C-alpha atoms as a PDB file:
ATOM      1  CA  MET A   1      -7.987  20.684 -22.473  1.00  0.00           C
ATOM      2  CA  ASP A   2     -11.576  19.737 -21.725  1.00  0.00           C
ATOM      3  CA  ARG A   3     -12.712  21.814 -18.724  1.00  0.00           C
ATOM      4  CA  GLY A   4     -15.499  19.368 -17.864  1.00  0.00           C
ATOM      5  CA  ARG A   5     -13.032  16.487 -17.704  1.00  0.00           C
ATOM      6  CA  GLU A   6     -10.682  18.547 -15.553  1.00  0.00           C
ATOM      7  CA  ARG A   7     -13.491  19.579 -13.166  1.00  0.00           C
ATOM      8  CA  ALA A   8     -14.744  15.981 -12.867  1.00  0.00           C
ATOM      9  CA  TYR A   9     -11.231  14.705 -12.148  1.00  0.00           C
ATOM     10  CA  THR A  10     -10.624  17.455  -9.570  1.00  0.00           C
ATOM     11  CA  ALA A  11     -13.934  16.699  -7.850  1.00  0.00           C
ATOM     12  CA  PHE A  12     -13.084  12.991  -7.806  1.00  0.00           C
ATOM     13  CA  VAL A  13      -9.678  13.648  -6.233  1.00  0.00           C
ATOM     14  CA  VAL A  14     -11.152  16.048  -3.675  1.00  0.00           C
ATOM     15  CA  GLU A  15     -13.788  13.476  -2.709  1.00  0.00           C
ATOM     16  CA  ASN A  16     -11.561  10.370  -2.734  1.00  0.00           C
ATOM     17  CA  GLY A  17      -8.035  11.714  -2.333  1.00  0.00           C
ATOM     18  CA  ALA A  18      -7.808  11.136   1.422  1.00  0.00           C
ATOM     19  CA  ALA A  19      -8.823   7.484   1.070  1.00  0.00           C
ATOM     20  CA  LEU A  20      -6.373   6.957  -1.810  1.00  0.00           C
ATOM     21  CA  ALA A  21      -3.654   8.694   0.213  1.00  0.00           C
ATOM     22  CA  GLY A  22      -4.351   6.425   3.179  1.00  0.00           C
ATOM     23  CA  LEU A  23      -4.114   3.359   0.976  1.00  0.00           C
ATOM     24  CA  SER A  24      -0.889   4.682  -0.537  1.00  0.00           C
ATOM     25  CA  GLY A  25       0.549   5.222   2.917  1.00  0.00           C
ATOM     26  CA  ALA A  26      -0.348   1.733   4.058  1.00  0.00           C
ATOM     27  CA  LEU A  27       1.124   0.186   0.923  1.00  0.00           C
ATOM     28  CA  ALA A  28       4.277   2.293   0.758  1.00  0.00           C
ATOM     29  CA  GLY A  29       5.210   2.261   4.422  1.00  0.00           C
ATOM     30  CA  ASP A  30       6.580   5.757   4.773  1.00  0.00           C
ATOM     31  CA  ARG A  31       5.379   9.242   4.002  1.00  0.00           C
ATOM     32  CA  ASP A  32       7.783  10.086   1.182  1.00  0.00           C
ATOM     33  CA  ASP A  33       7.206   6.802  -0.631  1.00  0.00           C
ATOM     34  CA  ALA A  34       3.453   7.175  -0.105  1.00  0.00           C
ATOM     35  CA  GLN A  35       3.508  10.631  -1.677  1.00  0.00           C
ATOM     36  CA  ASP A  36       5.471   9.291  -4.642  1.00  0.00           C
ATOM     37  CA  LEU A  37       3.059   6.381  -5.007  1.00  0.00           C
ATOM     38  CA  LEU A  38      -0.001   8.608  -4.796  1.00  0.00           C
ATOM     39  CA  SER A  39       1.449  11.074  -7.322  1.00  0.00           C
ATOM     40  CA  GLU A  40       2.235   8.287  -9.795  1.00  0.00           C
ATOM     41  CA  ALA A  41      -1.211   6.775  -9.306  1.00  0.00           C
ATOM     42  CA  LEU A  42      -3.027  10.102  -9.745  1.00  0.00           C
ATOM     43  CA  VAL A  43      -1.176  10.676 -13.014  1.00  0.00           C
ATOM     44  CA  ALA A  44      -2.211   7.209 -14.181  1.00  0.00           C
ATOM     45  CA  ILE A  45      -5.804   7.888 -13.107  1.00  0.00           C
ATOM     46  CA  TRP A  46      -5.790  11.154 -15.084  1.00  0.00           C
ATOM     47  CA  LYS A  47      -4.344   9.451 -18.168  1.00  0.00           C
ATOM     48  CA  ASN A  48      -7.064   6.783 -17.942  1.00  0.00           C
ATOM     49  CA  TRP A  49      -9.852   9.090 -16.805  1.00  0.00           C
ATOM     50  CA  GLY A  50     -12.246   7.797 -19.469  1.00  0.00           C
ATOM     51  CA  LYS A  51     -11.881   4.252 -18.133  1.00  0.00           C
ATOM     52  CA  VAL A  52     -12.250   5.461 -14.542  1.00  0.00           C
ATOM     53  CA  VAL A  53     -15.580   7.197 -15.130  1.00  0.00           C
ATOM     54  CA  ALA A  54     -16.818   4.344 -17.324  1.00  0.00           C
ATOM     55  CA  ALA A  55     -16.125   1.784 -14.591  1.00  0.00           C
ATOM     56  CA  ASP A  56     -19.006   0.416 -12.538  1.00  0.00           C
ATOM     57  CA  ARG A  57     -17.183   1.515  -9.381  1.00  0.00           C
ATOM     58  CA  PRO A  58     -14.779   4.385 -10.189  1.00  0.00           C
ATOM     59  CA  VAL A  59     -13.294   4.440  -6.671  1.00  0.00           C
ATOM     60  CA  ALA A  60     -12.530   0.708  -6.849  1.00  0.00           C
ATOM     61  CA  TYR A  61     -10.910   1.280 -10.254  1.00  0.00           C
ATOM     62  CA  ALA A  62      -8.797   4.065  -8.740  1.00  0.00           C
ATOM     63  CA  ARG A  63      -7.780   1.782  -5.851  1.00  0.00           C
ATOM     64  CA  ARG A  64      -6.688  -0.842  -8.389  1.00  0.00           C
ATOM     65  CA  VAL A  65      -4.556   1.825 -10.075  1.00  0.00           C
ATOM     66  CA  VAL A  66      -2.908   2.630  -6.721  1.00  0.00           C
ATOM     67  CA  VAL A  67      -2.240  -1.061  -6.036  1.00  0.00           C
ATOM     68  CA  ALA A  68      -0.944  -1.702  -9.569  1.00  0.00           C
ATOM     69  CA  THR A  69       1.322   1.344  -9.303  1.00  0.00           C
ATOM     70  CA  HIS A  70       2.603   0.075  -5.950  1.00  0.00           C
ATOM     71  CA  LEU A  71       3.358  -3.319  -7.467  1.00  0.00           C
ATOM     72  CA  ARG A  72       5.121  -1.727 -10.454  1.00  0.00           C
ATOM     73  CA  LEU A  73       7.174   0.632  -8.286  1.00  0.00           C
ATOM     74  CA  GLY A  74       7.848  -2.131  -5.764  1.00  0.00           C
ATOM     75  CA  ARG A  75       9.610  -4.250  -8.332  1.00  0.00           C
ATOM     76  CA  SER A  76      11.962  -1.392  -9.174  1.00  0.00           C
ATOM     77  CA  ARG A  77      12.794  -0.669  -5.527  1.00  0.00           C
ATOM     78  CA  THR A  78      14.384  -3.938  -4.467  1.00  0.00           C
ATOM     79  CA  ALA A  79      17.781  -2.329  -3.849  1.00  0.00           C
ATOM     80  CA  GLN A  80      16.212   0.468  -1.796  1.00  0.00           C
ATOM     81  CA  LEU A  81      14.454  -2.096   0.371  1.00  0.00           C
ATOM     82  CA  ARG A  82      17.715  -3.909   1.047  1.00  0.00           C
ATOM     83  CA  ILE A  83      19.252  -0.648   2.258  1.00  0.00           C
ATOM     84  CA  ARG A  84      16.200   0.108   4.387  1.00  0.00           C
ATOM     85  CA  LYS A  85      16.401  -3.356   5.967  1.00  0.00           C
ATOM     86  CA  ARG A  86      20.031  -2.792   6.873  1.00  0.00           C
ATOM     87  CA  LEU A  87      19.220   0.597   8.379  1.00  0.00           C
ATOM     88  CA  SER A  88      16.285  -0.788  10.343  1.00  0.00           C
ATOM     89  CA  ALA A  89      18.612  -3.347  11.935  1.00  0.00           C
ATOM     90  CA  LEU A  90      20.560  -0.556  13.616  1.00  0.00           C
ATOM     91  CA  PRO A  91      19.840  -0.163  17.342  1.00  0.00           C
ATOM     92  CA  VAL A  92      17.105   2.323  18.221  1.00  0.00           C
ATOM     93  CA  PRO A  93      17.416   4.280  21.471  1.00  0.00           C
ATOM     94  CA  GLU A  94      14.850   3.480  24.147  1.00  0.00           C
ATOM     95  CA  SER A  95      11.980   5.931  24.145  1.00  0.00           C
ATOM     96  CA  GLY A  96       9.415   6.664  26.809  1.00  0.00           C
ATOM     97  CA  GLY A  97       5.790   7.647  26.790  1.00  0.00           C
ATOM     98  CA  GLU A  98       2.755   6.320  24.951  1.00  0.00           C
ATOM     99  CA  THR A  99       3.329   8.523  21.894  1.00  0.00           C
ATOM    100  CA  PHE A 100       6.768   7.053  21.361  1.00  0.00           C
ATOM    101  CA  ARG A 101       5.443   3.515  21.814  1.00  0.00           C
ATOM    102  CA  GLN A 102       2.818   4.189  19.116  1.00  0.00           C
ATOM    103  CA  VAL A 103       5.495   5.520  16.770  1.00  0.00           C
ATOM    104  CA  ASP A 104       7.716   2.549  17.607  1.00  0.00           C
ATOM    105  CA  ASN A 105       4.808   0.176  16.875  1.00  0.00           C
ATOM    106  CA  ALA A 106       4.049   1.887  13.556  1.00  0.00           C
ATOM    107  CA  ASP A 107       7.734   1.664  12.675  1.00  0.00           C
ATOM    108  CA  LEU A 108       7.763  -2.018  13.639  1.00  0.00           C
ATOM    109  CA  ILE A 109       4.716  -2.684  11.458  1.00  0.00           C
ATOM    110  CA  ASN A 110       6.312  -0.896   8.509  1.00  0.00           C
ATOM    111  CA  ARG A 111       9.603  -2.751   8.977  1.00  0.00           C
ATOM    112  CA  CYS A 112       7.737  -6.047   9.058  1.00  0.00           C
ATOM    113  CA  LEU A 113       5.678  -5.141   5.990  1.00  0.00           C
ATOM    114  CA  ASP A 114       8.901  -4.190   4.204  1.00  0.00           C
ATOM    115  CA  GLU A 115       9.930  -7.843   4.486  1.00  0.00           C
ATOM    116  CA  LEU A 116       7.024  -8.908   2.268  1.00  0.00           C
ATOM    117  CA  PRO A 117       7.043  -9.056  -1.527  1.00  0.00           C
ATOM    118  CA  ALA A 118       4.880  -6.316  -3.042  1.00  0.00           C
ATOM    119  CA  SER A 119       1.930  -8.607  -3.863  1.00  0.00           C
ATOM    120  CA  GLN A 120       1.824 -10.061  -0.335  1.00  0.00           C
ATOM    121  CA  ARG A 121       2.132  -6.619   1.239  1.00  0.00           C
ATOM    122  CA  ALA A 122      -0.683  -5.341  -0.962  1.00  0.00           C
ATOM    123  CA  ALA A 123      -2.920  -8.286  -0.036  1.00  0.00           C
ATOM    124  CA  VAL A 124      -2.255  -7.888   3.697  1.00  0.00           C
ATOM    125  CA  VAL A 125      -2.815  -4.121   3.575  1.00  0.00           C
ATOM    126  CA  LEU A 126      -6.016  -4.489   1.561  1.00  0.00           C
ATOM    127  CA  ARG A 127      -7.335  -7.058   4.069  1.00  0.00           C
ATOM    128  CA  HIS A 128      -6.416  -5.230   7.258  1.00  0.00           C
ATOM    129  CA  TYR A 129      -6.470  -1.573   6.175  1.00  0.00           C
ATOM    130  CA  LEU A 130      -9.566  -1.664   3.936  1.00  0.00           C
ATOM    131  CA  ASP A 131     -11.137  -4.845   5.385  1.00  0.00           C
ATOM    132  CA  LEU A 132     -11.587  -6.332   1.906  1.00  0.00           C
ATOM    133  CA  THR A 133     -12.600  -9.934   1.294  1.00  0.00           C
ATOM    134  CA  SER A 134     -10.414 -12.355  -0.658  1.00  0.00           C
ATOM    135  CA  GLU A 135     -12.626 -11.832  -3.694  1.00  0.00           C
ATOM    136  CA  ASP A 136     -12.265  -8.046  -3.446  1.00  0.00           C
ATOM    137  CA  ILE A 137      -8.501  -8.383  -2.985  1.00  0.00           C
ATOM    138  CA  ALA A 138      -8.378 -10.604  -6.075  1.00  0.00           C
ATOM    139  CA  ARG A 139     -10.115  -7.876  -8.089  1.00  0.00           C
ATOM    140  CA  GLU A 140      -7.718  -5.233  -6.744  1.00  0.00           C
ATOM    141  CA  LEU A 141      -4.652  -7.366  -7.522  1.00  0.00           C
ATOM    142  CA  ASN A 142      -6.070  -8.635 -10.825  1.00  0.00           C
ATOM    143  CA  CYS A 143      -5.656 -12.266  -9.827  1.00  0.00           C
ATOM    144  CA  SER A 144      -7.849 -15.208  -8.895  1.00  0.00           C
ATOM    145  CA  PRO A 145      -9.385 -15.438  -5.408  1.00  0.00           C
ATOM    146  CA  ALA A 146      -7.190 -18.495  -4.773  1.00  0.00           C
ATOM    147  CA  ALA A 147      -4.072 -16.480  -5.622  1.00  0.00           C
ATOM    148  CA  ALA A 148      -5.274 -13.665  -3.350  1.00  0.00           C
ATOM    149  CA  ARG A 149      -5.722 -16.155  -0.495  1.00  0.00           C
ATOM    150  CA  THR A 150      -2.233 -17.510  -1.189  1.00  0.00           C
ATOM    151  CA  HIS A 151      -0.772 -13.988  -1.047  1.00  0.00           C
ATOM    152  CA  LEU A 152      -2.595 -13.426   2.252  1.00  0.00           C
ATOM    153  CA  SER A 153      -1.561 -16.750   3.748  1.00  0.00           C
ATOM    154  CA  ARG A 154       2.083 -16.358   2.793  1.00  0.00           C
ATOM    155  CA  GLY A 155       2.075 -12.725   3.879  1.00  0.00           C
ATOM    156  CA  HIS A 156       0.609 -13.584   7.269  1.00  0.00           C
ATOM    157  CA  ALA A 157       3.109 -16.430   7.739  1.00  0.00           C
ATOM    158  CA  LYS A 158       6.041 -14.178   6.833  1.00  0.00           C
ATOM    159  CA  LEU A 159       4.757 -11.438   9.154  1.00  0.00           C
ATOM    160  CA  ALA A 160       4.453 -13.940  12.014  1.00  0.00           C
ATOM    161  CA  ALA A 161       8.034 -15.071  11.446  1.00  0.00           C
ATOM    162  CA  VAL A 162       9.353 -11.511  11.280  1.00  0.00           C
ATOM    163  CA  LEU A 163       7.429 -10.504  14.412  1.00  0.00           C
ATOM    164  CA  ALA A 164       8.819 -13.544  16.232  1.00  0.00           C
ATOM    165  CA  GLN A 165      12.343 -12.467  15.242  1.00  0.00           C
ATOM    166  CA  GLU A 166      11.629  -8.913  16.438  1.00  0.00           C
ATOM    167  CA  ALA A 167      10.278 -10.199  19.758  1.00  0.00           C
ATOM    168  CA  ALA A 168      13.414 -12.309  20.254  1.00  0.00           C
ATOM    169  CA  ARG A 169      15.619  -9.226  19.998  1.00  0.00           C
END
């Protein structure tokens, strides 16, 4: 194994790992899924390390790997999402205090995001978590800017509908 390649990869992960982990968490919705997503993405980044370092913006390339991995894993997790939706419909005991309200809000956001197809969830997360433009989102999702705007528009509409349903409960 090339020690220089290994050191460069390790330095890259040390420098950018927290940001990639945050993106993974926002895309995946829960800690365990985020860890799985990040692990899969880091393996893919290692396997394609030559392309990563050759890219104009290696961090952006790595983010695209995380998003692509999320989309790939998302397609294989449809059954898991159905189960999660059923579980999230169960009544949750009332909780008090600001900390519990924050946790409840984060849970609500994740439940709502779970309702979105993977591409719409990715677009919404990239817009609101990383504050990316439609053009940047298009690059991350490997689609046209018009398709990225469509993913955003449909994602926002679906989120509004889901939040309205939650508020009616």
